[in-house]
Amino acid sequence: MPRTFILLADGEPVGTASLVAHDLDERPDLTPWLAGVFVEPHVRGRGYAGLLIAAVEQEACRASIPTLWLYSTMAERIYARAGWRTFGTVQHNGKPFALMRRDLVRQL
């Protein structure tokens, strides 16, 4: 860790996602994290975010990591569709964020 994945479409980079040890100073007790999920605006809506999330989850499973964490303000529904559940909220930089987790034990 860290491990970053870059998604290519027609040879061009269209998205990224990372597996990192720490991503939220307010919760140093939680580790590791799905972080930096980004899909270029002109290719959104094609399922690329799901592919990136799955790639990080698969890497975590290979490393025998039982739980992943993330925080989000705008993409909570995308993560919920991928099997993530909201664990609570956390204040970061004065704004509320959904704190989400994904238990991978069943996938190990």
PDB file of N, CA and C in Angstrom:
ATOM      1  N   MET A   1       0.837  -1.162   0.000  1.00  0.00           N
ATOM      2  CA  MET A   1       0.000   0.000   0.000  1.00  0.00           C
ATOM      3  C   MET A   1       0.895   1.242   0.000  1.00  0.00           C
ATOM      4  N   PRO A   2       0.584   2.263  -0.646  1.00  0.00           N
ATOM      5  CA  PRO A   2      -0.620   2.449  -1.449  1.00  0.00           C
ATOM      6  C   PRO A   2      -0.539   1.698  -2.784  1.00  0.00           C
ATOM      7  N   ARG A   3      -1.706   1.493  -3.358  1.00  0.00           N
ATOM      8  CA  ARG A   3      -1.819   0.850  -4.663  1.00  0.00           C
ATOM      9  C   ARG A   3      -2.853   1.641  -5.450  1.00  0.00           C
ATOM     10  N   THR A   4      -2.481   2.119  -6.635  1.00  0.00           N
ATOM     11  CA  THR A   4      -3.396   2.918  -7.456  1.00  0.00           C
ATOM     12  C   THR A   4      -3.684   2.190  -8.758  1.00  0.00           C
ATOM     13  N   PHE A   5      -4.943   2.203  -9.144  1.00  0.00           N
ATOM     14  CA  PHE A   5      -5.391   1.580 -10.374  1.00  0.00           C
ATOM     15  C   PHE A   5      -5.801   2.665 -11.355  1.00  0.00           C
ATOM     16  N   ILE A   6      -5.410   2.483 -12.599  1.00  0.00           N
ATOM     17  CA  ILE A   6      -5.774   3.407 -13.672  1.00  0.00           C
ATOM     18  C   ILE A   6      -6.565   2.623 -14.696  1.00  0.00           C
ATOM     19  N   LEU A   7      -7.754   3.085 -14.995  1.00  0.00           N
ATOM     20  CA  LEU A   7      -8.617   2.433 -15.973  1.00  0.00           C
ATOM     21  C   LEU A   7      -8.404   3.079 -17.337  1.00  0.00           C
ATOM     22  N   LEU A   8      -8.144   2.242 -18.336  1.00  0.00           N
ATOM     23  CA  LEU A   8      -7.967   2.712 -19.697  1.00  0.00           C
ATOM     24  C   LEU A   8      -9.173   2.318 -20.541  1.00  0.00           C
ATOM     25  N   ALA A   9      -9.592   3.200 -21.418  1.00  0.00           N
ATOM     26  CA  ALA A   9     -10.631   2.929 -22.407  1.00  0.00           C
ATOM     27  C   ALA A   9     -10.086   3.395 -23.749  1.00  0.00           C
ATOM     28  N   ASP A  10     -10.006   2.474 -24.681  1.00  0.00           N
ATOM     29  CA  ASP A  10      -9.418   2.774 -25.997  1.00  0.00           C
ATOM     30  C   ASP A  10      -8.016   3.347 -25.853  1.00  0.00           C
ATOM     31  N   GLY A  11      -7.266   2.831 -24.872  1.00  0.00           N
ATOM     32  CA  GLY A  11      -5.879   3.253 -24.672  1.00  0.00           C
ATOM     33  C   GLY A  11      -5.699   4.559 -23.936  1.00  0.00           C
ATOM     34  N   GLU A  12      -6.783   5.188 -23.542  1.00  0.00           N
ATOM     35  CA  GLU A  12      -6.707   6.469 -22.844  1.00  0.00           C
ATOM     36  C   GLU A  12      -7.114   6.294 -21.386  1.00  0.00           C
ATOM     37  N   PRO A  13      -6.413   6.957 -20.456  1.00  0.00           N
ATOM     38  CA  PRO A  13      -6.828   6.879 -19.046  1.00  0.00           C
ATOM     39  C   PRO A  13      -8.148   7.613 -18.834  1.00  0.00           C
ATOM     40  N   VAL A  14      -9.103   6.914 -18.197  1.00  0.00           N
ATOM     41  CA  VAL A  14     -10.418   7.518 -17.965  1.00  0.00           C
ATOM     42  C   VAL A  14     -10.803   7.532 -16.494  1.00  0.00           C
ATOM     43  N   GLY A  15     -10.017   6.847 -15.641  1.00  0.00           N
ATOM     44  CA  GLY A  15     -10.367   6.843 -14.228  1.00  0.00           C
ATOM     45  C   GLY A  15      -9.271   6.269 -13.358  1.00  0.00           C
ATOM     46  N   THR A  16      -9.372   6.569 -12.064  1.00  0.00           N
ATOM     47  CA  THR A  16      -8.409   6.071 -11.092  1.00  0.00           C
ATOM     48  C   THR A  16      -9.133   5.718  -9.791  1.00  0.00           C
ATOM     49  N   ALA A  17      -8.483   4.856  -9.011  1.00  0.00           N
ATOM     50  CA  ALA A  17      -8.922   4.541  -7.653  1.00  0.00           C
ATOM     51  C   ALA A  17      -7.708   3.981  -6.923  1.00  0.00           C
ATOM     52  N   SER A  18      -7.678   4.180  -5.604  1.00  0.00           N
ATOM     53  CA  SER A  18      -6.524   3.740  -4.832  1.00  0.00           C
ATOM     54  C   SER A  18      -6.933   2.972  -3.583  1.00  0.00           C
ATOM     55  N   LEU A  19      -6.048   2.104  -3.162  1.00  0.00           N
ATOM     56  CA  LEU A  19      -6.112   1.441  -1.868  1.00  0.00           C
ATOM     57  C   LEU A  19      -4.996   2.061  -1.039  1.00  0.00           C
ATOM     58  N   VAL A  20      -5.368   2.731   0.056  1.00  0.00           N
ATOM     59  CA  VAL A  20      -4.386   3.445   0.875  1.00  0.00           C
ATOM     60  C   VAL A  20      -4.579   3.093   2.350  1.00  0.00           C
ATOM     61  N   ALA A  21      -3.526   3.240   3.111  1.00  0.00           N
ATOM     62  CA  ALA A  21      -3.596   2.926   4.543  1.00  0.00           C
ATOM     63  C   ALA A  21      -4.434   3.952   5.300  1.00  0.00           C
ATOM     64  N   HIS A  22      -4.265   5.235   4.985  1.00  0.00           N
ATOM     65  CA  HIS A  22      -4.979   6.289   5.706  1.00  0.00           C
ATOM     66  C   HIS A  22      -5.465   7.346   4.718  1.00  0.00           C
ATOM     67  N   ASP A  23      -6.712   7.802   4.934  1.00  0.00           N
ATOM     68  CA  ASP A  23      -7.266   8.812   4.037  1.00  0.00           C
ATOM     69  C   ASP A  23      -8.047   9.894   4.763  1.00  0.00           C
ATOM     70  N   LEU A  24      -8.241   9.734   6.067  1.00  0.00           N
ATOM     71  CA  LEU A  24      -9.071  10.687   6.797  1.00  0.00           C
ATOM     72  C   LEU A  24      -8.448  10.946   8.165  1.00  0.00           C
ATOM     73  N   ASP A  25      -7.851  12.125   8.328  1.00  0.00           N
ATOM     74  CA  ASP A  25      -7.168  12.459   9.584  1.00  0.00           C
ATOM     75  C   ASP A  25      -8.087  12.346  10.792  1.00  0.00           C
ATOM     76  N   GLU A  26      -9.376  12.611  10.590  1.00  0.00           N
ATOM     77  CA  GLU A  26     -10.326  12.561  11.704  1.00  0.00           C
ATOM     78  C   GLU A  26     -10.586  11.137  12.208  1.00  0.00           C
ATOM     79  N   ARG A  27     -10.215  10.120  11.430  1.00  0.00           N
ATOM     80  CA  ARG A  27     -10.424   8.730  11.832  1.00  0.00           C
ATOM     81  C   ARG A  27      -9.155   7.905  11.606  1.00  0.00           C
ATOM     82  N   PRO A  28      -8.097   8.202  12.365  1.00  0.00           N
ATOM     83  CA  PRO A  28      -6.854   7.439  12.192  1.00  0.00           C
ATOM     84  C   PRO A  28      -6.990   5.980  12.629  1.00  0.00           C
ATOM     85  N   ASP A  29      -8.064   5.660  13.342  1.00  0.00           N
ATOM     86  CA  ASP A  29      -8.293   4.290  13.808  1.00  0.00           C
ATOM     87  C   ASP A  29      -8.785   3.370  12.704  1.00  0.00           C
ATOM     88  N   LEU A  30      -9.247   3.930  11.592  1.00  0.00           N
ATOM     89  CA  LEU A  30      -9.797   3.121  10.509  1.00  0.00           C
ATOM     90  C   LEU A  30      -8.766   2.945   9.401  1.00  0.00           C
ATOM     91  N   THR A  31      -8.627   1.730   8.938  1.00  0.00           N
ATOM     92  CA  THR A  31      -7.693   1.423   7.856  1.00  0.00           C
ATOM     93  C   THR A  31      -8.033   0.065   7.285  1.00  0.00           C
ATOM     94  N   PRO A  32      -7.769  -0.135   6.023  1.00  0.00           N
ATOM     95  CA  PRO A  32      -7.361   0.756   4.936  1.00  0.00           C
ATOM     96  C   PRO A  32      -8.578   1.377   4.251  1.00  0.00           C
ATOM     97  N   TRP A  33      -8.293   2.186   3.243  1.00  0.00           N
ATOM     98  CA  TRP A  33      -9.311   2.996   2.592  1.00  0.00           C
ATOM     99  C   TRP A  33      -9.334   2.805   1.075  1.00  0.00           C
ATOM    100  N   LEU A  34     -10.531   2.863   0.521  1.00  0.00           N
ATOM    101  CA  LEU A  34     -10.725   3.085  -0.906  1.00  0.00           C
ATOM    102  C   LEU A  34     -10.699   4.596  -1.070  1.00  0.00           C
ATOM    103  N   ALA A  35      -9.815   5.101  -1.898  1.00  0.00           N
ATOM    104  CA  ALA A  35      -9.639   6.550  -1.997  1.00  0.00           C
ATOM    105  C   ALA A  35      -9.415   6.976  -3.445  1.00  0.00           C
ATOM    106  N   GLY A  36      -9.651   8.236  -3.691  1.00  0.00           N
ATOM    107  CA  GLY A  36      -9.308   8.830  -4.977  1.00  0.00           C
ATOM    108  C   GLY A  36     -10.049   8.245  -6.164  1.00  0.00           C
ATOM    109  N   VAL A  37     -11.285   7.807  -5.958  1.00  0.00           N
ATOM    110  CA  VAL A  37     -12.056   7.294  -7.092  1.00  0.00           C
ATOM    111  C   VAL A  37     -12.465   8.483  -7.960  1.00  0.00           C
ATOM    112  N   PHE A  38     -12.034   8.437  -9.197  1.00  0.00           N
ATOM    113  CA  PHE A  38     -12.341   9.528 -10.127  1.00  0.00           C
ATOM    114  C   PHE A  38     -12.532   8.941 -11.518  1.00  0.00           C
ATOM    115  N   VAL A  39     -13.607   9.386 -12.187  1.00  0.00           N
ATOM    116  CA  VAL A  39     -13.861   9.033 -13.578  1.00  0.00           C
ATOM    117  C   VAL A  39     -14.023  10.334 -14.348  1.00  0.00           C
ATOM    118  N   GLU A  40     -13.338  10.423 -15.469  1.00  0.00           N
ATOM    119  CA  GLU A  40     -13.424  11.629 -16.308  1.00  0.00           C
ATOM    120  C   GLU A  40     -14.896  11.939 -16.613  1.00  0.00           C
ATOM    121  N   PRO A  41     -15.279  13.211 -16.514  1.00  0.00           N
ATOM    122  CA  PRO A  41     -16.685  13.580 -16.721  1.00  0.00           C
ATOM    123  C   PRO A  41     -17.280  13.114 -18.048  1.00  0.00           C
ATOM    124  N   HIS A  42     -16.505  13.147 -19.122  1.00  0.00           N
ATOM    125  CA  HIS A  42     -17.072  12.805 -20.432  1.00  0.00           C
ATOM    126  C   HIS A  42     -17.336  11.310 -20.624  1.00  0.00           C
ATOM    127  N   VAL A  43     -16.895  10.461 -19.679  1.00  0.00           N
ATOM    128  CA  VAL A  43     -17.154   9.022 -19.799  1.00  0.00           C
ATOM    129  C   VAL A  43     -17.955   8.474 -18.614  1.00  0.00           C
ATOM    130  N   ARG A  44     -18.494   9.346 -17.799  1.00  0.00           N
ATOM    131  CA  ARG A  44     -19.298   8.892 -16.663  1.00  0.00           C
ATOM    132  C   ARG A  44     -20.590   8.248 -17.155  1.00  0.00           C
ATOM    133  N   GLY A  45     -21.141   7.369 -16.324  1.00  0.00           N
ATOM    134  CA  GLY A  45     -22.374   6.676 -16.672  1.00  0.00           C
ATOM    135  C   GLY A  45     -22.150   5.395 -17.449  1.00  0.00           C
ATOM    136  N   ARG A  46     -20.912   4.949 -17.571  1.00  0.00           N
ATOM    137  CA  ARG A  46     -20.590   3.729 -18.324  1.00  0.00           C
ATOM    138  C   ARG A  46     -20.175   2.568 -17.431  1.00  0.00           C
ATOM    139  N   GLY A  47     -20.312   2.743 -16.107  1.00  0.00           N
ATOM    140  CA  GLY A  47     -19.948   1.666 -15.192  1.00  0.00           C
ATOM    141  C   GLY A  47     -18.487   1.643 -14.797  1.00  0.00           C
ATOM    142  N   TYR A  48     -17.747   2.665 -15.185  1.00  0.00           N
ATOM    143  CA  TYR A  48     -16.311   2.674 -14.895  1.00  0.00           C
ATOM    144  C   TYR A  48     -16.017   2.788 -13.401  1.00  0.00           C
ATOM    145  N   ALA A  49     -16.819   3.557 -12.674  1.00  0.00           N
ATOM    146  CA  ALA A  49     -16.597   3.670 -11.227  1.00  0.00           C
ATOM    147  C   ALA A  49     -16.724   2.296 -10.579  1.00  0.00           C
ATOM    148  N   GLY A  50     -17.711   1.524 -10.993  1.00  0.00           N
ATOM    149  CA  GLY A  50     -17.880   0.174 -10.457  1.00  0.00           C
ATOM    150  C   GLY A  50     -16.691  -0.718 -10.737  1.00  0.00           C
ATOM    151  N   LEU A  51     -16.114  -0.601 -11.916  1.00  0.00           N
ATOM    152  CA  LEU A  51     -14.927  -1.392 -12.249  1.00  0.00           C
ATOM    153  C   LEU A  51     -13.740  -1.017 -11.371  1.00  0.00           C
ATOM    154  N   LEU A  52     -13.582   0.271 -11.124  1.00  0.00           N
ATOM    155  CA  LEU A  52     -12.478   0.737 -10.275  1.00  0.00           C
ATOM    156  C   LEU A  52     -12.677   0.291  -8.828  1.00  0.00           C
ATOM    157  N   ILE A  53     -13.895   0.406  -8.326  1.00  0.00           N
ATOM    158  CA  ILE A  53     -14.198  -0.035  -6.964  1.00  0.00           C
ATOM    159  C   ILE A  53     -13.899  -1.523  -6.838  1.00  0.00           C
ATOM    160  N   ALA A  54     -14.346  -2.308  -7.809  1.00  0.00           N
ATOM    161  CA  ALA A  54     -14.115  -3.757  -7.783  1.00  0.00           C
ATOM    162  C   ALA A  54     -12.630  -4.097  -7.823  1.00  0.00           C
ATOM    163  N   ALA A  55     -11.856  -3.342  -8.577  1.00  0.00           N
ATOM    164  CA  ALA A  55     -10.412  -3.607  -8.654  1.00  0.00           C
ATOM    165  C   ALA A  55      -9.749  -3.414  -7.294  1.00  0.00           C
ATOM    166  N   VAL A  56     -10.133  -2.354  -6.588  1.00  0.00           N
ATOM    167  CA  VAL A  56      -9.572  -2.112  -5.254  1.00  0.00           C
ATOM    168  C   VAL A  56     -10.040  -3.193  -4.288  1.00  0.00           C
ATOM    169  N   GLU A  57     -11.298  -3.567  -4.363  1.00  0.00           N
ATOM    170  CA  GLU A  57     -11.808  -4.624  -3.485  1.00  0.00           C
ATOM    171  C   GLU A  57     -11.072  -5.946  -3.731  1.00  0.00           C
ATOM    172  N   GLN A  58     -10.831  -6.281  -4.981  1.00  0.00           N
ATOM    173  CA  GLN A  58     -10.114  -7.519  -5.311  1.00  0.00           C
ATOM    174  C   GLN A  58      -8.686  -7.485  -4.773  1.00  0.00           C
ATOM    175  N   GLU A  59      -8.051  -6.341  -4.874  1.00  0.00           N
ATOM    176  CA  GLU A  59      -6.695  -6.206  -4.328  1.00  0.00           C
ATOM    177  C   GLU A  59      -6.715  -6.378  -2.813  1.00  0.00           C
ATOM    178  N   ALA A  60      -7.710  -5.807  -2.154  1.00  0.00           N
ATOM    179  CA  ALA A  60      -7.838  -5.957  -0.710  1.00  0.00           C
ATOM    180  C   ALA A  60      -8.063  -7.424  -0.339  1.00  0.00           C
ATOM    181  N   CYS A  61      -8.880  -8.119  -1.106  1.00  0.00           N
ATOM    182  CA  CYS A  61      -9.103  -9.547  -0.844  1.00  0.00           C
ATOM    183  C   CYS A  61      -7.812 -10.333  -1.002  1.00  0.00           C
ATOM    184  N   ARG A  62      -7.035 -10.035  -2.046  1.00  0.00           N
ATOM    185  CA  ARG A  62      -5.750 -10.722  -2.242  1.00  0.00           C
ATOM    186  C   ARG A  62      -4.812 -10.490  -1.064  1.00  0.00           C
ATOM    187  N   ALA A  63      -4.939  -9.335  -0.423  1.00  0.00           N
ATOM    188  CA  ALA A  63      -4.094  -9.001   0.723  1.00  0.00           C
ATOM    189  C   ALA A  63      -4.728  -9.430   2.054  1.00  0.00           C
ATOM    190  N   SER A  64      -5.828 -10.177   1.985  1.00  0.00           N
ATOM    191  CA  SER A  64      -6.546 -10.665   3.177  1.00  0.00           C
ATOM    192  C   SER A  64      -7.016  -9.532   4.082  1.00  0.00           C
ATOM    193  N   ILE A  65      -7.428  -8.445   3.480  1.00  0.00           N
ATOM    194  CA  ILE A  65      -7.976  -7.307   4.222  1.00  0.00           C
ATOM    195  C   ILE A  65      -9.468  -7.543   4.393  1.00  0.00           C
ATOM    196  N   PRO A  66      -9.974  -7.572   5.635  1.00  0.00           N
ATOM    197  CA  PRO A  66     -11.382  -7.898   5.841  1.00  0.00           C
ATOM    198  C   PRO A  66     -12.361  -6.745   5.638  1.00  0.00           C
ATOM    199  N   THR A  67     -11.921  -5.498   5.809  1.00  0.00           N
ATOM    200  CA  THR A  67     -12.822  -4.349   5.740  1.00  0.00           C
ATOM    201  C   THR A  67     -12.124  -3.173   5.076  1.00  0.00           C
ATOM    202  N   LEU A  68     -12.851  -2.482   4.212  1.00  0.00           N
ATOM    203  CA  LEU A  68     -12.379  -1.241   3.601  1.00  0.00           C
ATOM    204  C   LEU A  68     -13.277  -0.102   4.048  1.00  0.00           C
ATOM    205  N   TRP A  69     -12.732   1.108   4.037  1.00  0.00           N
ATOM    206  CA  TRP A  69     -13.447   2.325   4.426  1.00  0.00           C
ATOM    207  C   TRP A  69     -13.372   3.344   3.309  1.00  0.00           C
ATOM    208  N   LEU A  70     -14.336   4.252   3.286  1.00  0.00           N
ATOM    209  CA  LEU A  70     -14.286   5.411   2.391  1.00  0.00           C
ATOM    210  C   LEU A  70     -15.157   6.504   2.986  1.00  0.00           C
ATOM    211  N   TYR A  71     -14.952   7.718   2.490  1.00  0.00           N
ATOM    212  CA  TYR A  71     -15.864   8.806   2.837  1.00  0.00           C
ATOM    213  C   TYR A  71     -16.233   9.537   1.551  1.00  0.00           C
ATOM    214  N   SER A  72     -17.475  10.037   1.529  1.00  0.00           N
ATOM    215  CA  SER A  72     -17.988  10.639   0.302  1.00  0.00           C
ATOM    216  C   SER A  72     -19.084  11.647   0.623  1.00  0.00           C
ATOM    217  N   THR A  73     -19.200  12.652  -0.219  1.00  0.00           N
ATOM    218  CA  THR A  73     -20.307  13.596  -0.092  1.00  0.00           C
ATOM    219  C   THR A  73     -21.314  13.438  -1.217  1.00  0.00           C
ATOM    220  N   MET A  74     -20.876  12.987  -2.368  1.00  0.00           N
ATOM    221  CA  MET A  74     -21.761  12.995  -3.527  1.00  0.00           C
ATOM    222  C   MET A  74     -22.034  11.619  -4.118  1.00  0.00           C
ATOM    223  N   ALA A  75     -21.250  10.628  -3.817  1.00  0.00           N
ATOM    224  CA  ALA A  75     -21.359   9.350  -4.531  1.00  0.00           C
ATOM    225  C   ALA A  75     -21.854   8.206  -3.651  1.00  0.00           C
ATOM    226  N   GLU A  76     -22.542   8.521  -2.583  1.00  0.00           N
ATOM    227  CA  GLU A  76     -22.993   7.483  -1.654  1.00  0.00           C
ATOM    228  C   GLU A  76     -23.843   6.419  -2.357  1.00  0.00           C
ATOM    229  N   ARG A  77     -24.681   6.813  -3.283  1.00  0.00           N
ATOM    230  CA  ARG A  77     -25.518   5.837  -3.998  1.00  0.00           C
ATOM    231  C   ARG A  77     -24.695   4.906  -4.877  1.00  0.00           C
ATOM    232  N   ILE A  78     -23.663   5.427  -5.506  1.00  0.00           N
ATOM    233  CA  ILE A  78     -22.792   4.581  -6.342  1.00  0.00           C
ATOM    234  C   ILE A  78     -22.158   3.499  -5.481  1.00  0.00           C
ATOM    235  N   TYR A  79     -21.643   3.892  -4.336  1.00  0.00           N
ATOM    236  CA  TYR A  79     -21.000   2.918  -3.452  1.00  0.00           C
ATOM    237  C   TYR A  79     -22.017   1.937  -2.879  1.00  0.00           C
ATOM    238  N   ALA A  80     -23.202   2.407  -2.539  1.00  0.00           N
ATOM    239  CA  ALA A  80     -24.238   1.519  -2.008  1.00  0.00           C
ATOM    240  C   ALA A  80     -24.600   0.448  -3.034  1.00  0.00           C
ATOM    241  N   ARG A  81     -24.690   0.826  -4.298  1.00  0.00           N
ATOM    242  CA  ARG A  81     -24.976  -0.157  -5.353  1.00  0.00           C
ATOM    243  C   ARG A  81     -23.867  -1.187  -5.466  1.00  0.00           C
ATOM    244  N   ALA A  82     -22.653  -0.820  -5.084  1.00  0.00           N
ATOM    245  CA  ALA A  82     -21.510  -1.737  -5.144  1.00  0.00           C
ATOM    246  C   ALA A  82     -21.373  -2.572  -3.867  1.00  0.00           C
ATOM    247  N   GLY A  83     -22.328  -2.433  -2.938  1.00  0.00           N
ATOM    248  CA  GLY A  83     -22.302  -3.254  -1.734  1.00  0.00           C
ATOM    249  C   GLY A  83     -21.780  -2.576  -0.487  1.00  0.00           C
ATOM    250  N   TRP A  84     -21.454  -1.308  -0.578  1.00  0.00           N
ATOM    251  CA  TRP A  84     -20.975  -0.558   0.581  1.00  0.00           C
ATOM    252  C   TRP A  84     -22.169  -0.119   1.421  1.00  0.00           C
ATOM    253  N   ARG A  85     -21.940   0.038   2.727  1.00  0.00           N
ATOM    254  CA  ARG A  85     -23.023   0.532   3.579  1.00  0.00           C
ATOM    255  C   ARG A  85     -22.527   1.724   4.398  1.00  0.00           C
ATOM    256  N   THR A  86     -23.450   2.616   4.657  1.00  0.00           N
ATOM    257  CA  THR A  86     -23.122   3.815   5.426  1.00  0.00           C
ATOM    258  C   THR A  86     -22.974   3.430   6.888  1.00  0.00           C
ATOM    259  N   PHE A  87     -21.860   3.827   7.472  1.00  0.00           N
ATOM    260  CA  PHE A  87     -21.515   3.516   8.853  1.00  0.00           C
ATOM    261  C   PHE A  87     -21.848   4.687   9.769  1.00  0.00           C
ATOM    262  N   GLY A  88     -21.941   5.866   9.203  1.00  0.00           N
ATOM    263  CA  GLY A  88     -22.221   7.071   9.973  1.00  0.00           C
ATOM    264  C   GLY A  88     -21.800   8.283   9.169  1.00  0.00           C
ATOM    265  N   THR A  89     -21.622   9.392   9.858  1.00  0.00           N
ATOM    266  CA  THR A  89     -21.119  10.601   9.212  1.00  0.00           C
ATOM    267  C   THR A  89     -19.886  11.073   9.962  1.00  0.00           C
ATOM    268  N   VAL A  90     -19.087  11.840   9.262  1.00  0.00           N
ATOM    269  CA  VAL A  90     -17.880  12.397   9.850  1.00  0.00           C
ATOM    270  C   VAL A  90     -17.707  13.811   9.315  1.00  0.00           C
ATOM    271  N   GLN A  91     -17.247  14.712  10.167  1.00  0.00           N
ATOM    272  CA  GLN A  91     -16.955  16.082   9.749  1.00  0.00           C
ATOM    273  C   GLN A  91     -15.522  16.133   9.229  1.00  0.00           C
ATOM    274  N   HIS A  92     -15.369  16.685   8.040  1.00  0.00           N
ATOM    275  CA  HIS A  92     -14.040  16.836   7.449  1.00  0.00           C
ATOM    276  C   HIS A  92     -13.994  18.196   6.772  1.00  0.00           C
ATOM    277  N   ASN A  93     -13.029  19.012   7.172  1.00  0.00           N
ATOM    278  CA  ASN A  93     -12.920  20.379   6.645  1.00  0.00           C
ATOM    279  C   ASN A  93     -14.224  21.151   6.813  1.00  0.00           C
ATOM    280  N   GLY A  94     -14.906  20.912   7.939  1.00  0.00           N
ATOM    281  CA  GLY A  94     -16.128  21.630   8.252  1.00  0.00           C
ATOM    282  C   GLY A  94     -17.370  21.176   7.517  1.00  0.00           C
ATOM    283  N   LYS A  95     -17.281  20.072   6.782  1.00  0.00           N
ATOM    284  CA  LYS A  95     -18.420  19.577   6.021  1.00  0.00           C
ATOM    285  C   LYS A  95     -18.737  18.143   6.447  1.00  0.00           C
ATOM    286  N   PRO A  96     -20.028  17.775   6.413  1.00  0.00           N
ATOM    287  CA  PRO A  96     -20.381  16.389   6.743  1.00  0.00           C
ATOM    288  C   PRO A  96     -20.155  15.461   5.549  1.00  0.00           C
ATOM    289  N   PHE A  97     -19.583  14.308   5.827  1.00  0.00           N
ATOM    290  CA  PHE A  97     -19.345  13.280   4.821  1.00  0.00           C
ATOM    291  C   PHE A  97     -19.955  11.972   5.295  1.00  0.00           C
ATOM    292  N   ALA A  98     -20.442  11.172   4.366  1.00  0.00           N
ATOM    293  CA  ALA A  98     -20.880   9.818   4.699  1.00  0.00           C
ATOM    294  C   ALA A  98     -19.636   8.965   4.895  1.00  0.00           C
ATOM    295  N   LEU A  99     -19.585   8.267   6.004  1.00  0.00           N
ATOM    296  CA  LEU A  99     -18.515   7.309   6.273  1.00  0.00           C
ATOM    297  C   LEU A  99     -19.068   5.938   5.916  1.00  0.00           C
ATOM    298  N   MET A 100     -18.403   5.247   4.996  1.00  0.00           N
ATOM    299  CA  MET A 100     -18.917   3.977   4.494  1.00  0.00           C
ATOM    300  C   MET A 100     -17.886   2.878   4.680  1.00  0.00           C
ATOM    301  N   ARG A 101     -18.400   1.643   4.754  1.00  0.00           N
ATOM    302  CA  ARG A 101     -17.509   0.489   4.900  1.00  0.00           C
ATOM    303  C   ARG A 101     -17.981  -0.641   4.002  1.00  0.00           C
ATOM    304  N   ARG A 102     -17.023  -1.488   3.676  1.00  0.00           N
ATOM    305  CA  ARG A 102     -17.309  -2.682   2.876  1.00  0.00           C
ATOM    306  C   ARG A 102     -16.613  -3.842   3.552  1.00  0.00           C
ATOM    307  N   ASP A 103     -17.404  -4.784   4.045  1.00  0.00           N
ATOM    308  CA  ASP A 103     -16.855  -5.982   4.647  1.00  0.00           C
ATOM    309  C   ASP A 103     -16.576  -6.999   3.545  1.00  0.00           C
ATOM    310  N   LEU A 104     -15.340  -7.449   3.478  1.00  0.00           N
ATOM    311  CA  LEU A 104     -14.909  -8.339   2.413  1.00  0.00           C
ATOM    312  C   LEU A 104     -14.720  -9.774   2.878  1.00  0.00           C
ATOM    313  N   VAL A 105     -14.990 -10.073   4.129  1.00  0.00           N
ATOM    314  CA  VAL A 105     -14.718 -11.391   4.697  1.00  0.00           C
ATOM    315  C   VAL A 105     -15.335 -12.495   3.837  1.00  0.00           C
ATOM    316  N   ARG A 106     -16.556 -12.301   3.400  1.00  0.00           N
ATOM    317  CA  ARG A 106     -17.231 -13.332   2.586  1.00  0.00           C
ATOM    318  C   ARG A 106     -16.546 -13.539   1.247  1.00  0.00           C
ATOM    319  N   GLN A 107     -15.814 -12.523   0.775  1.00  0.00           N
ATOM    320  CA  GLN A 107     -15.159 -12.628  -0.525  1.00  0.00           C
ATOM    321  C   GLN A 107     -13.780 -13.266  -0.421  1.00  0.00           C
ATOM    322  N   LEU A 108     -13.233 -13.394   0.797  1.00  0.00           N
ATOM    323  CA  LEU A 108     -11.874 -13.922   0.962  1.00  0.00           C
ATOM    324  C   LEU A 108     -11.777 -15.379   0.603  1.00  0.00           C
TER     325      LEU A 108
END
